[in-house]
Protein backbone atom coordinates (compact mmCIF):
# COMPACT_ATOMS: atom_id res chain seq x y z
CA UNK A 1 7.57 -217.69 -75.03
CA UNK A 2 7.18 -219.48 -71.55
CA UNK A 3 4.03 -221.61 -71.43
CA UNK A 4 2.84 -219.82 -68.35
CA UNK A 5 2.82 -216.38 -70.29
CA UNK A 6 1.20 -218.38 -73.32
CA UNK A 7 -1.66 -219.49 -70.60
CA UNK A 8 -2.04 -215.93 -69.33
CA UNK A 9 -2.32 -214.54 -72.78
CA UNK A 10 -4.66 -217.10 -74.22
CA UNK A 11 -7.89 -215.08 -73.46
CA UNK A 12 -6.47 -212.19 -75.17
CA UNK A 13 -5.42 -214.38 -78.16
CA UNK A 14 -8.88 -215.93 -78.51
CA UNK A 15 -10.41 -212.28 -78.71
CA UNK A 16 -7.92 -211.12 -80.94
CA UNK A 17 -8.40 -214.06 -83.57
CA UNK A 18 -12.24 -213.56 -83.33
CA UNK A 19 -12.01 -209.88 -84.24
CA UNK A 20 -9.53 -210.09 -87.07
CA UNK A 21 -10.25 -213.42 -88.54
CA UNK A 22 -13.91 -213.90 -87.44
CA UNK A 23 -13.14 -217.08 -85.73
CA UNK A 24 -11.46 -217.95 -82.40
CA UNK A 25 -9.73 -221.29 -83.60
CA UNK A 26 -7.57 -222.12 -86.54
CA UNK A 27 -6.85 -220.59 -89.63
CA UNK A 28 -9.72 -219.25 -92.09
CA UNK A 29 -9.77 -221.46 -94.94
CA UNK A 30 -9.40 -218.62 -97.46
CA UNK A 31 -6.10 -217.68 -95.78
CA UNK A 32 -4.90 -221.20 -96.25
CA UNK A 33 -6.20 -221.13 -100.05
CA UNK A 34 -3.46 -218.68 -100.78
CA UNK A 35 -1.12 -221.33 -100.89
CA UNK A 36 -2.56 -222.59 -104.01
CA UNK A 37 -2.20 -220.96 -107.44
CA UNK A 38 0.18 -220.90 -110.52
CA UNK A 39 2.22 -217.64 -110.34
CA UNK A 40 3.79 -215.34 -107.71
CA UNK A 41 0.93 -212.72 -107.83
CA UNK A 42 0.81 -209.14 -108.45
CA UNK A 43 3.41 -208.24 -105.63
CA UNK A 44 6.87 -209.98 -105.07
CA UNK A 45 7.84 -210.99 -101.83
CA UNK A 46 10.37 -208.45 -101.56
CA UNK A 47 7.74 -205.45 -102.47
CA UNK A 48 7.10 -202.26 -100.76
CA UNK A 49 3.57 -203.60 -100.68
CA UNK A 50 4.52 -206.82 -98.77
CA UNK A 51 6.24 -204.67 -96.04
CA UNK A 52 3.41 -202.27 -95.87
CA UNK A 53 0.58 -204.81 -95.41
CA UNK A 54 2.53 -206.96 -93.05
CA UNK A 55 2.85 -206.68 -89.19
CA UNK A 56 0.61 -204.74 -87.25
CA UNK A 57 0.34 -201.33 -88.91
CA UNK A 58 -2.72 -202.26 -90.91
CA UNK A 59 -4.69 -202.18 -87.77
CA UNK A 60 -4.04 -198.41 -87.39
CA UNK A 61 -4.16 -198.03 -91.22
CA UNK A 62 -7.82 -199.33 -91.23
CA UNK A 63 -9.03 -196.93 -88.48
CA UNK A 64 -7.40 -194.18 -90.77
CA UNK A 65 -8.62 -195.27 -94.02
CA UNK A 66 -12.38 -195.30 -92.74
CA UNK A 67 -11.90 -191.78 -91.42
CA UNK A 68 -10.85 -190.47 -94.62
CA UNK A 69 -13.18 -192.66 -96.78
CA UNK A 70 -16.01 -190.86 -94.75
CA UNK A 71 -15.00 -187.31 -95.90
CA UNK A 72 -16.62 -188.25 -99.30
CA UNK A 73 -20.48 -187.78 -98.87
CA UNK A 74 -20.83 -190.31 -101.74
CA UNK A 75 -18.68 -192.89 -100.62
CA UNK A 76 -20.25 -192.34 -97.05
CA UNK A 77 -23.74 -192.81 -98.59
CA UNK A 78 -22.85 -195.98 -99.92
CA UNK A 79 -21.62 -197.19 -96.80
CA UNK A 80 -24.42 -195.72 -94.48
CA UNK A 81 -27.38 -196.89 -96.95
CA UNK A 82 -26.16 -200.32 -98.22
CA UNK A 83 -24.13 -201.92 -95.24
CA UNK A 84 -24.70 -203.09 -91.76
CA UNK A 85 -21.57 -201.93 -90.39
CA UNK A 86 -23.20 -200.73 -87.16
CA UNK A 87 -24.78 -204.06 -86.60
CA UNK A 88 -21.92 -206.43 -87.57
CA UNK A 89 -18.78 -204.52 -87.78
CA UNK A 90 -16.59 -207.45 -87.43
CA UNK A 91 -18.06 -209.05 -90.45
CA UNK A 92 -17.29 -205.97 -92.61
CA UNK A 93 -13.70 -205.88 -91.01
CA UNK A 94 -13.24 -209.64 -91.79
CA UNK A 95 -14.54 -208.89 -95.52
CA UNK A 96 -12.12 -205.94 -95.91
CA UNK A 97 -9.15 -207.86 -94.48
CA UNK A 98 -9.97 -210.97 -96.71
CA UNK A 99 -9.64 -208.55 -99.99
CA UNK A 100 -6.39 -206.82 -98.84
CA UNK A 101 -4.61 -210.24 -97.96
CA UNK A 102 -6.07 -211.96 -101.13
CA UNK A 103 -4.76 -209.10 -103.39
CA UNK A 104 -1.36 -208.82 -101.69
CA UNK A 105 -0.50 -212.09 -101.18
CA UNK A 106 -2.46 -214.45 -103.74
CA UNK A 107 -1.85 -215.09 -107.28
CA UNK A 108 -2.96 -213.18 -109.96
CA UNK A 109 -6.17 -215.19 -110.33
CA UNK A 110 -6.91 -214.73 -106.78
CA UNK A 111 -6.41 -211.18 -106.59
CA UNK A 112 -8.58 -210.53 -109.70
CA UNK A 113 -11.21 -212.87 -108.51
CA UNK A 114 -11.35 -210.72 -105.24
CA UNK A 115 -11.53 -207.42 -106.92
CA UNK A 116 -14.37 -208.96 -109.27
CA UNK A 117 -16.33 -210.04 -106.31
CA UNK A 118 -16.19 -206.74 -104.57
CA UNK A 119 -16.91 -204.90 -107.77
CA UNK A 120 -20.20 -207.25 -108.38
CA UNK A 121 -21.01 -206.73 -104.53
CA UNK A 122 -21.06 -203.25 -105.39
CA UNK A 123 -23.42 -203.17 -108.48
CA UNK A 124 -26.49 -202.50 -106.26
CA UNK A 125 -25.09 -199.76 -104.23
CA UNK A 126 -26.37 -196.72 -106.00
CA UNK A 127 -28.70 -193.83 -104.66
CA UNK A 128 -28.29 -190.05 -104.27
CA UNK A 129 -26.18 -187.78 -101.86
CA UNK A 130 -26.13 -184.29 -100.93
CA UNK A 131 -22.60 -182.77 -102.19
CA UNK A 132 -20.75 -180.55 -100.33
CA UNK A 133 -21.90 -177.78 -102.76
CA UNK A 134 -25.55 -178.37 -101.87
CA UNK A 135 -26.18 -180.25 -104.89
CA UNK A 136 -27.94 -183.72 -104.94
CA UNK A 137 -25.91 -185.82 -106.88
CA UNK A 138 -26.32 -189.46 -107.97
CA UNK A 139 -23.67 -191.99 -106.67
CA UNK A 140 -22.53 -195.78 -107.52
CA UNK A 141 -20.03 -197.39 -105.37
CA UNK A 142 -18.37 -198.52 -108.94
CA UNK A 143 -18.22 -194.97 -109.90
CA UNK A 144 -14.61 -194.26 -111.01
CA UNK A 145 -14.39 -191.17 -109.13
CA UNK A 146 -15.36 -192.80 -105.97
CA UNK A 147 -13.40 -195.64 -106.51
CA UNK A 148 -10.53 -193.34 -106.91
CA UNK A 149 -10.87 -191.59 -103.46
CA UNK A 150 -11.32 -195.00 -101.83
CA UNK A 151 -8.07 -196.15 -103.04
CA UNK A 152 -6.43 -193.07 -102.62
CA UNK A 153 -7.52 -192.89 -98.75
CA UNK A 154 -6.52 -196.67 -98.54
CA UNK A 155 -3.05 -195.97 -99.97
CA UNK A 156 -2.50 -192.75 -97.90
CA UNK A 157 -3.53 -194.79 -94.69
CA UNK A 158 -1.42 -197.50 -94.99
CA UNK A 159 1.53 -195.77 -96.17
CA UNK A 160 1.46 -193.18 -93.27
CA UNK A 161 0.55 -195.85 -90.70
CA UNK A 162 3.91 -197.68 -91.71
CA UNK A 163 6.05 -194.37 -91.54
CA UNK A 164 4.39 -193.28 -88.15
CA UNK A 165 4.77 -196.56 -86.25
CA UNK A 166 7.50 -198.62 -87.86
CA UNK A 167 9.70 -195.86 -89.88
CA UNK A 168 10.73 -195.43 -93.58
CA UNK A 169 9.39 -197.94 -96.17
CA UNK A 170 12.19 -199.98 -97.27
CA UNK A 171 13.33 -199.61 -101.03
CA UNK A 172 12.28 -202.81 -103.01
CA UNK A 173 14.89 -204.35 -104.99
CA UNK A 174 13.11 -203.34 -108.45
CA UNK A 175 12.49 -199.85 -107.54
CA UNK A 176 12.48 -197.10 -110.15
CA UNK A 177 15.35 -194.95 -110.44
CA UNK A 178 14.67 -191.83 -107.90
CA UNK A 179 11.94 -193.69 -106.08
CA UNK A 180 11.55 -193.70 -102.58
CA UNK A 181 10.04 -196.60 -100.51
CA UNK A 182 6.79 -194.65 -100.39
CA UNK A 183 7.05 -193.85 -104.01
CA UNK A 184 7.41 -197.50 -104.68
CA UNK A 185 4.52 -198.50 -102.49
CA UNK A 186 2.32 -196.26 -103.89
CA UNK A 187 3.16 -197.42 -107.72
CA UNK A 188 2.95 -200.97 -106.56
CA UNK A 189 -0.64 -200.58 -105.15
CA UNK A 190 -1.77 -198.67 -108.11
CA UNK A 191 -2.28 -202.33 -109.63
CA UNK A 192 -5.06 -202.72 -106.86
CA UNK A 193 -6.71 -199.37 -107.77
CA UNK A 194 -6.74 -200.78 -111.59
CA UNK A 195 -8.19 -203.91 -110.69
CA UNK A 196 -11.11 -202.19 -108.79
CA UNK A 197 -11.66 -199.93 -111.99
CA UNK A 198 -9.95 -196.71 -110.79
CA UNK A 199 -8.88 -194.95 -113.66
CA UNK A 200 -4.98 -193.60 -113.74
CA UNK A 201 -4.40 -194.18 -110.24
CA UNK A 202 -1.37 -192.25 -108.47
CA UNK A 203 1.95 -193.79 -108.99
CA UNK A 204 3.97 -191.83 -106.77
CA UNK A 205 3.53 -190.19 -103.25
CA UNK A 206 3.59 -186.89 -104.86
CA UNK A 207 0.69 -187.79 -107.25
CA UNK A 208 -1.12 -189.17 -104.11
CA UNK A 209 -1.01 -186.23 -102.06
CA UNK A 210 -1.98 -184.15 -105.09
CA UNK A 211 -4.88 -186.36 -105.67
CA UNK A 212 -6.08 -186.18 -102.18
CA UNK A 213 -5.78 -182.37 -102.16
CA UNK A 214 -7.65 -182.16 -105.29
CA UNK A 215 -10.68 -183.88 -104.09
CA UNK A 216 -10.73 -181.05 -101.36
CA UNK A 217 -10.01 -178.22 -103.77
CA UNK A 218 -12.90 -179.28 -106.15
CA UNK A 219 -15.38 -179.21 -102.82
CA UNK A 220 -15.99 -183.17 -102.85
CA UNK A 221 -15.13 -183.56 -99.45
CA UNK A 222 -17.32 -182.81 -96.20
CA UNK A 223 -18.22 -183.11 -92.62
CA UNK A 224 -21.82 -183.19 -91.27
CA UNK A 225 -23.89 -185.27 -89.27
CA UNK A 226 -23.13 -188.48 -90.92
CA UNK A 227 -19.62 -188.06 -90.69
CA UNK A 228 -20.06 -187.41 -87.04
CA UNK A 229 -21.88 -190.50 -86.66
CA UNK A 230 -19.07 -192.53 -88.42
CA UNK A 231 -16.46 -190.74 -85.98
CA UNK A 232 -18.46 -191.64 -83.11
CA UNK A 233 -18.67 -195.29 -84.13
CA UNK A 234 -15.12 -195.44 -84.89
CA UNK A 235 -14.11 -193.62 -81.49
CA UNK A 236 -16.42 -196.05 -79.55
CA UNK A 237 -16.47 -199.26 -81.38
CA UNK A 238 -18.51 -202.51 -80.06
CA UNK A 239 -14.95 -204.09 -79.41
CA UNK A 240 -14.30 -206.88 -76.75
CA UNK A 241 -13.47 -204.70 -73.33
CA UNK A 242 -10.08 -206.41 -73.28
CA UNK A 243 -9.07 -204.79 -76.68
CA UNK A 244 -10.30 -201.20 -76.11
CA UNK A 245 -7.81 -199.78 -74.27
CA UNK A 246 -5.18 -200.53 -76.83
CA UNK A 247 -7.77 -199.73 -79.71
CA UNK A 248 -8.08 -196.28 -78.00
CA UNK A 249 -4.71 -195.39 -78.17
CA UNK A 250 -4.27 -196.24 -81.58
CA UNK A 251 -7.19 -194.15 -82.61
CA UNK A 252 -5.35 -191.04 -80.69
CA UNK A 253 -2.51 -191.60 -82.95
CA UNK A 254 -4.53 -191.84 -85.82
CA UNK A 255 -6.11 -188.68 -85.14
CA UNK A 256 -2.92 -187.01 -84.74
CA UNK A 257 -1.50 -188.04 -88.00
CA UNK A 258 -4.28 -186.38 -90.02
CA UNK A 259 -3.89 -183.04 -91.89
CA UNK A 260 -5.45 -180.06 -89.86
CA UNK A 261 -8.09 -179.83 -92.73
CA UNK A 262 -8.93 -183.62 -92.45
CA UNK A 263 -9.25 -183.35 -88.77
CA UNK A 264 -11.15 -179.94 -88.98
CA UNK A 265 -13.79 -181.89 -91.22
CA UNK A 266 -14.03 -184.90 -88.90
CA UNK A 267 -14.39 -182.47 -85.72
CA UNK A 268 -11.49 -184.37 -84.21
CA UNK A 269 -9.30 -182.50 -81.93
CA UNK A 270 -5.53 -183.19 -82.04
CA UNK A 271 -2.79 -183.02 -79.60
CA UNK A 272 -0.24 -180.22 -80.13
CA UNK A 273 2.45 -181.16 -82.45
CA UNK A 274 5.27 -181.57 -79.84
CA UNK A 275 3.29 -184.19 -78.00
CA UNK A 276 2.64 -186.28 -81.16
CA UNK A 277 5.60 -188.39 -80.49
CA UNK A 278 4.18 -189.59 -77.17
CA UNK A 279 0.84 -190.65 -78.83
CA UNK A 280 3.07 -192.55 -81.35
CA UNK A 281 5.12 -194.23 -78.81
CA UNK A 282 1.82 -195.56 -76.92
CA UNK A 283 0.48 -196.69 -80.20
CA UNK A 284 3.60 -198.67 -80.98
CA UNK A 285 3.02 -200.25 -77.41
CA UNK A 286 -0.56 -200.96 -78.11
CA UNK A 287 0.52 -202.89 -81.37
CA UNK A 288 3.64 -204.42 -79.49
CA UNK A 289 1.05 -206.11 -77.48
CA UNK A 290 -1.27 -207.18 -80.18
CA UNK A 291 1.90 -208.76 -81.91
CA UNK A 292 2.24 -210.90 -78.75
CA UNK A 293 -1.41 -212.26 -79.13
CA UNK A 294 -0.93 -212.97 -82.86
CA UNK A 295 1.50 -214.94 -85.19
CA UNK A 296 4.79 -213.05 -86.06
CA UNK A 297 4.05 -213.68 -89.67
CA UNK A 298 0.47 -213.63 -90.73
CA UNK A 299 -1.47 -216.91 -92.01
CA UNK A 300 -1.80 -215.07 -95.58
CA UNK A 301 1.77 -214.46 -96.04
CA UNK A 302 2.91 -217.86 -94.62
CA UNK A 303 0.41 -219.33 -97.13
CA UNK A 304 2.07 -217.09 -100.18
CA UNK A 305 5.42 -218.25 -99.00
CA UNK A 306 4.58 -221.88 -99.21
CA UNK A 307 3.24 -221.26 -102.90
CA UNK A 308 6.24 -219.30 -103.59
CA UNK A 309 8.52 -222.18 -102.57
CA UNK A 310 6.30 -224.65 -104.38
CA UNK A 311 6.83 -222.58 -107.63
CA UNK A 312 10.45 -222.08 -106.77
CA UNK A 313 10.48 -218.38 -106.43
CA UNK A 314 11.70 -218.96 -102.93
CA UNK A 315 14.13 -221.41 -101.65
CA UNK A 316 12.66 -224.58 -100.18
CA UNK A 317 15.05 -223.40 -96.91
CA UNK A 318 12.62 -220.23 -96.70
CA UNK A 319 11.40 -219.97 -93.05
CA UNK A 320 9.40 -216.98 -91.75
CA UNK A 321 7.35 -218.57 -88.93
């Protein structure tokens, strides 16, 4: 990139680093630490998981995951009553990014440790909520049913964001017979669900779709005032003004990717289907602009590749910078 273009983009880069890494300079220590470890981790570098969690589509996936998770009043109660996402949303974002990338790119000990840390943080997150049926029910953030919903919402969001903005998920070399790239991703990421205490997480795209539908069929999902509050926050987050135009393009495309039922519960209006390719194109443009401000390959993946070269999994000539 020419030097004058780089100087022009520097303020934009600083804002991006602050938003996604929690600091304006350098690489967070936890990302560099992913170079350490004694094994290749749960997900090979050729895995569908590395494809889906790399690049820029996780930004859009994060928006969709939060919208979907809010549809379960038990999951939403835990966030609303036990977090400070309104006061310090970037800290919560940074924590989520750390968990995702540590599980994706770290060795097995680091991935297990990241999940164990989150589960311990969840232990005091308990209370009651009003279910869609009108009943008052108890919740715990580590409850298997809530953990399963959060896992399914996460997998759906990341899978569809990749497909919407990049295309079909590449089929990994170790795919099972008859699997698509999407099936492989859901199967692989079920490992993360198991580490988080999810019982029998979906292991194919069909199983994931069925699981999401079952929550609604069983009247576990609902809208309402709390959901409207989350939607309002996600529609108008306290981002740096320089980042807001691109964010709004992503938000629009994410809304258009929801099912009609999800959009109805979230009280979000979608564009007519024939216009949705336009919103996807605008979102791709926004992600391409973000890519200009960040590294082609993220620090977490680069650190993981250094570990894999040290372990002999990758050749010493491997270079992805």
